[in-house]
PDB file of N, CA and C in Angstrom:
ATOM      1  N   MET A   1      41.194  16.642 -32.448  1.00  0.00           N
ATOM      2  CA  MET A   1      41.308  15.350 -31.780  1.00  0.00           C
ATOM      3  C   MET A   1      42.428  14.567 -32.473  1.00  0.00           C
ATOM      4  N   ASN A   2      43.393  14.127 -31.682  1.00  0.00           N
ATOM      5  CA  ASN A   2      44.477  13.352 -32.271  1.00  0.00           C
ATOM      6  C   ASN A   2      44.104  11.873 -32.340  1.00  0.00           C
ATOM      7  N   TRP A   3      44.976  11.082 -32.954  1.00  0.00           N
ATOM      8  CA  TRP A   3      44.703   9.665 -33.171  1.00  0.00           C
ATOM      9  C   TRP A   3      44.504   8.917 -31.864  1.00  0.00           C
ATOM     10  N   ASN A   4      45.357   9.145 -30.866  1.00  0.00           N
ATOM     11  CA  ASN A   4      45.234   8.452 -29.580  1.00  0.00           C
ATOM     12  C   ASN A   4      43.908   8.762 -28.892  1.00  0.00           C
ATOM     13  N   THR A   5      43.493  10.002 -28.944  1.00  0.00           N
ATOM     14  CA  THR A   5      42.229  10.389 -28.329  1.00  0.00           C
ATOM     15  C   THR A   5      41.067   9.722 -29.051  1.00  0.00           C
ATOM     16  N   SER A   6      41.144   9.658 -30.373  1.00  0.00           N
ATOM     17  CA  SER A   6      40.102   9.025 -31.170  1.00  0.00           C
ATOM     18  C   SER A   6      39.976   7.539 -30.829  1.00  0.00           C
ATOM     19  N   VAL A   7      41.102   6.867 -30.671  1.00  0.00           N
ATOM     20  CA  VAL A   7      41.089   5.449 -30.310  1.00  0.00           C
ATOM     21  C   VAL A   7      40.499   5.270 -28.919  1.00  0.00           C
ATOM     22  N   GLU A   8      40.881   6.112 -27.985  1.00  0.00           N
ATOM     23  CA  GLU A   8      40.353   6.021 -26.624  1.00  0.00           C
ATOM     24  C   GLU A   8      38.844   6.233 -26.605  1.00  0.00           C
ATOM     25  N   VAL A   9      38.358   7.182 -27.363  1.00  0.00           N
ATOM     26  CA  VAL A   9      36.926   7.450 -27.423  1.00  0.00           C
ATOM     27  C   VAL A   9      36.203   6.241 -28.027  1.00  0.00           C
ATOM     28  N   SER A  10      36.769   5.677 -29.076  1.00  0.00           N
ATOM     29  CA  SER A  10      36.170   4.502 -29.714  1.00  0.00           C
ATOM     30  C   SER A  10      36.147   3.307 -28.769  1.00  0.00           C
ATOM     31  N   MET A  11      37.214   3.086 -28.046  1.00  0.00           N
ATOM     32  CA  MET A  11      37.281   1.967 -27.101  1.00  0.00           C
ATOM     33  C   MET A  11      36.292   2.163 -25.961  1.00  0.00           C
ATOM     34  N   ASP A  12      36.155   3.378 -25.483  1.00  0.00           N
ATOM     35  CA  ASP A  12      35.169   3.660 -24.431  1.00  0.00           C
ATOM     36  C   ASP A  12      33.754   3.412 -24.932  1.00  0.00           C
ATOM     37  N   ALA A  13      33.476   3.794 -26.167  1.00  0.00           N
ATOM     38  CA  ALA A  13      32.148   3.565 -26.740  1.00  0.00           C
ATOM     39  C   ALA A  13      31.878   2.069 -26.886  1.00  0.00           C
ATOM     40  N   LEU A  14      32.878   1.315 -27.326  1.00  0.00           N
ATOM     41  CA  LEU A  14      32.728  -0.131 -27.463  1.00  0.00           C
ATOM     42  C   LEU A  14      32.489  -0.781 -26.106  1.00  0.00           C
ATOM     43  N   ARG A  15      33.236  -0.339 -25.091  1.00  0.00           N
ATOM     44  CA  ARG A  15      33.070  -0.875 -23.734  1.00  0.00           C
ATOM     45  C   ARG A  15      31.674  -0.569 -23.196  1.00  0.00           C
ATOM     46  N   THR A  16      31.209   0.641 -23.401  1.00  0.00           N
ATOM     47  CA  THR A  16      29.886   1.044 -22.940  1.00  0.00           C
ATOM     48  C   THR A  16      28.795   0.236 -23.627  1.00  0.00           C
ATOM     49  N   THR A  17      28.920   0.064 -24.932  1.00  0.00           N
ATOM     50  CA  THR A  17      27.928  -0.705 -25.688  1.00  0.00           C
ATOM     51  C   THR A  17      27.914  -2.168 -25.260  1.00  0.00           C
ATOM     52  N   ALA A  18      29.101  -2.763 -25.141  1.00  0.00           N
ATOM     53  CA  ALA A  18      29.191  -4.173 -24.748  1.00  0.00           C
ATOM     54  C   ALA A  18      28.609  -4.396 -23.355  1.00  0.00           C
ATOM     55  N   THR A  19      28.880  -3.493 -22.449  1.00  0.00           N
ATOM     56  CA  THR A  19      28.349  -3.607 -21.093  1.00  0.00           C
ATOM     57  C   THR A  19      26.826  -3.488 -21.097  1.00  0.00           C
ATOM     58  N   ALA A  20      26.300  -2.565 -21.886  1.00  0.00           N
ATOM     59  CA  ALA A  20      24.847  -2.393 -21.969  1.00  0.00           C
ATOM     60  C   ALA A  20      24.182  -3.638 -22.554  1.00  0.00           C
ATOM     61  N   VAL A  21      24.808  -4.236 -23.565  1.00  0.00           N
ATOM     62  CA  VAL A  21      24.264  -5.457 -24.159  1.00  0.00           C
ATOM     63  C   VAL A  21      24.226  -6.571 -23.123  1.00  0.00           C
ATOM     64  N   LEU A  22      25.301  -6.724 -22.360  1.00  0.00           N
ATOM     65  CA  LEU A  22      25.328  -7.765 -21.334  1.00  0.00           C
ATOM     66  C   LEU A  22      24.315  -7.509 -20.231  1.00  0.00           C
ATOM     67  N   ASP A  23      24.071  -6.251 -19.916  1.00  0.00           N
ATOM     68  CA  ASP A  23      23.063  -5.919 -18.910  1.00  0.00           C
ATOM     69  C   ASP A  23      21.663  -6.292 -19.380  1.00  0.00           C
ATOM     70  N   ARG A  24      21.375  -6.058 -20.653  1.00  0.00           N
ATOM     71  CA  ARG A  24      20.051  -6.367 -21.200  1.00  0.00           C
ATOM     72  C   ARG A  24      19.873  -7.852 -21.493  1.00  0.00           C
ATOM     73  N   HIS A  25      20.877  -8.461 -22.098  1.00  0.00           N
ATOM     74  CA  HIS A  25      20.782  -9.858 -22.533  1.00  0.00           C
ATOM     75  C   HIS A  25      21.232 -10.787 -21.403  1.00  0.00           C
ATOM     76  N   ALA A  26      20.468 -10.760 -20.335  1.00  0.00           N
ATOM     77  CA  ALA A  26      20.748 -11.595 -19.163  1.00  0.00           C
ATOM     78  C   ALA A  26      20.006 -12.915 -19.313  1.00  0.00           C
ATOM     79  N   HIS A  27      20.357 -13.866 -18.479  1.00  0.00           N
ATOM     80  CA  HIS A  27      19.682 -15.156 -18.572  1.00  0.00           C
ATOM     81  C   HIS A  27      18.640 -15.315 -17.475  1.00  0.00           C
ATOM     82  N   ASP A  28      17.630 -16.044 -17.830  1.00  0.00           N
ATOM     83  CA  ASP A  28      16.568 -16.407 -16.897  1.00  0.00           C
ATOM     84  C   ASP A  28      16.423 -17.916 -17.028  1.00  0.00           C
ATOM     85  N   GLY A  29      17.161 -18.613 -16.222  1.00  0.00           N
ATOM     86  CA  GLY A  29      17.224 -20.066 -16.385  1.00  0.00           C
ATOM     87  C   GLY A  29      18.163 -20.405 -17.524  1.00  0.00           C
ATOM     88  N   LEU A  30      17.612 -20.959 -18.582  1.00  0.00           N
ATOM     89  CA  LEU A  30      18.436 -21.368 -19.715  1.00  0.00           C
ATOM     90  C   LEU A  30      18.315 -20.444 -20.916  1.00  0.00           C
ATOM     91  N   GLU A  31      17.496 -19.393 -20.818  1.00  0.00           N
ATOM     92  CA  GLU A  31      17.230 -18.535 -21.965  1.00  0.00           C
ATOM     93  C   GLU A  31      17.587 -17.080 -21.691  1.00  0.00           C
ATOM     94  N   CYS A  32      17.879 -16.366 -22.777  1.00  0.00           N
ATOM     95  CA  CYS A  32      18.108 -14.925 -22.718  1.00  0.00           C
ATOM     96  C   CYS A  32      16.757 -14.237 -22.528  1.00  0.00           C
ATOM     97  N   VAL A  33      16.702 -13.264 -21.623  1.00  0.00           N
ATOM     98  CA  VAL A  33      15.438 -12.578 -21.351  1.00  0.00           C
ATOM     99  C   VAL A  33      15.005 -11.673 -22.505  1.00  0.00           C
ATOM    100  N   VAL A  34      15.924 -11.295 -23.378  1.00  0.00           N
ATOM    101  CA  VAL A  34      15.591 -10.433 -24.509  1.00  0.00           C
ATOM    102  C   VAL A  34      15.288 -11.262 -25.758  1.00  0.00           C
ATOM    103  N   CYS A  35      16.200 -12.171 -26.106  1.00  0.00           N
ATOM    104  CA  CYS A  35      16.089 -12.943 -27.351  1.00  0.00           C
ATOM    105  C   CYS A  35      15.182 -14.160 -27.228  1.00  0.00           C
ATOM    106  N   GLY A  36      15.158 -14.743 -26.048  1.00  0.00           N
ATOM    107  CA  GLY A  36      14.427 -15.976 -25.867  1.00  0.00           C
ATOM    108  C   GLY A  36      15.172 -17.194 -26.384  1.00  0.00           C
ATOM    109  N   THR A  37      16.431 -17.004 -26.791  1.00  0.00           N
ATOM    110  CA  THR A  37      17.247 -18.116 -27.270  1.00  0.00           C
ATOM    111  C   THR A  37      18.044 -18.688 -26.113  1.00  0.00           C
ATOM    112  N   LEU A  38      18.643 -19.837 -26.357  1.00  0.00           N
ATOM    113  CA  LEU A  38      19.466 -20.446 -25.315  1.00  0.00           C
ATOM    114  C   LEU A  38      20.586 -19.510 -24.900  1.00  0.00           C
ATOM    115  N   TRP A  39      20.840 -19.497 -23.598  1.00  0.00           N
ATOM    116  CA  TRP A  39      21.902 -18.671 -23.035  1.00  0.00           C
ATOM    117  C   TRP A  39      23.216 -19.407 -23.157  1.00  0.00           C
ATOM    118  N   PRO A  40      24.299 -18.746 -23.516  1.00  0.00           N
ATOM    119  CA  PRO A  40      24.399 -17.333 -23.861  1.00  0.00           C
ATOM    120  C   PRO A  40      23.994 -17.099 -25.310  1.00  0.00           C
ATOM    121  N   CYS A  41      23.251 -16.028 -25.539  1.00  0.00           N
ATOM    122  CA  CYS A  41      22.810 -15.694 -26.889  1.00  0.00           C
ATOM    123  C   CYS A  41      23.984 -15.101 -27.674  1.00  0.00           C
ATOM    124  N   GLU A  42      23.787 -14.953 -28.973  1.00  0.00           N
ATOM    125  CA  GLU A  42      24.863 -14.438 -29.828  1.00  0.00           C
ATOM    126  C   GLU A  42      25.289 -13.033 -29.426  1.00  0.00           C
ATOM    127  N   GLN A  43      24.342 -12.182 -29.066  1.00  0.00           N
ATOM    128  CA  GLN A  43      24.678 -10.814 -28.674  1.00  0.00           C
ATOM    129  C   GLN A  43      25.532 -10.796 -27.408  1.00  0.00           C
ATOM    130  N   ALA A  44      25.197 -11.649 -26.446  1.00  0.00           N
ATOM    131  CA  ALA A  44      25.974 -11.712 -25.209  1.00  0.00           C
ATOM    132  C   ALA A  44      27.375 -12.246 -25.479  1.00  0.00           C
ATOM    133  N   LEU A  45      27.481 -13.252 -26.331  1.00  0.00           N
ATOM    134  CA  LEU A  45      28.799 -13.798 -26.668  1.00  0.00           C
ATOM    135  C   LEU A  45      29.675 -12.753 -27.344  1.00  0.00           C
ATOM    136  N   LEU A  46      29.111 -12.013 -28.282  1.00  0.00           N
ATOM    137  CA  LEU A  46      29.870 -10.974 -28.965  1.00  0.00           C
ATOM    138  C   LEU A  46      30.305  -9.888 -27.987  1.00  0.00           C
ATOM    139  N   ALA A  47      29.410  -9.482 -27.112  1.00  0.00           N
ATOM    140  CA  ALA A  47      29.750  -8.457 -26.123  1.00  0.00           C
ATOM    141  C   ALA A  47      30.866  -8.939 -25.199  1.00  0.00           C
ATOM    142  N   GLU A  48      30.800 -10.192 -24.758  1.00  0.00           N
ATOM    143  CA  GLU A  48      31.857 -10.736 -23.899  1.00  0.00           C
ATOM    144  C   GLU A  48      33.195 -10.765 -24.618  1.00  0.00           C
ATOM    145  N   ARG A  49      33.181 -11.133 -25.880  1.00  0.00           N
ATOM    146  CA  ARG A  49      34.430 -11.152 -26.654  1.00  0.00           C
ATOM    147  C   ARG A  49      34.998  -9.758 -26.832  1.00  0.00           C
ATOM    148  N   ASN A  50      34.130  -8.792 -27.088  1.00  0.00           N
ATOM    149  CA  ASN A  50      34.589  -7.408 -27.218  1.00  0.00           C
ATOM    150  C   ASN A  50      35.231  -6.921 -25.926  1.00  0.00           C
ATOM    151  N   LEU A  51      34.606  -7.217 -24.797  1.00  0.00           N
ATOM    152  CA  LEU A  51      35.184  -6.798 -23.522  1.00  0.00           C
ATOM    153  C   LEU A  51      36.513  -7.508 -23.246  1.00  0.00           C
ATOM    154  N   ALA A  52      36.632  -8.746 -23.688  1.00  0.00           N
ATOM    155  CA  ALA A  52      37.866  -9.505 -23.447  1.00  0.00           C
ATOM    156  C   ALA A  52      39.066  -8.891 -24.159  1.00  0.00           C
ATOM    157  N   VAL A  53      38.845  -8.291 -25.315  1.00  0.00           N
ATOM    158  CA  VAL A  53      39.969  -7.696 -26.055  1.00  0.00           C
ATOM    159  C   VAL A  53      40.315  -6.299 -25.587  1.00  0.00           C
ATOM    160  N   LEU A  54      39.427  -5.713 -24.799  1.00  0.00           N
ATOM    161  CA  LEU A  54      39.701  -4.369 -24.292  1.00  0.00           C
ATOM    162  C   LEU A  54      40.604  -4.467 -23.101  1.00  0.00           C
TER     163      LEU A  54
END
């Protein structure tokens, strides 16, 4: 596996993880359905930021 392939695999894994986090950490009114904290929760914010840089 060369460097470019390794980076692509890592970016795909990050995209998949971030998308899964956003799917789980959805809002129900004003709260996250997983965390119970105010929406957007920290996990959702981090996932959104990760997707923004991809």
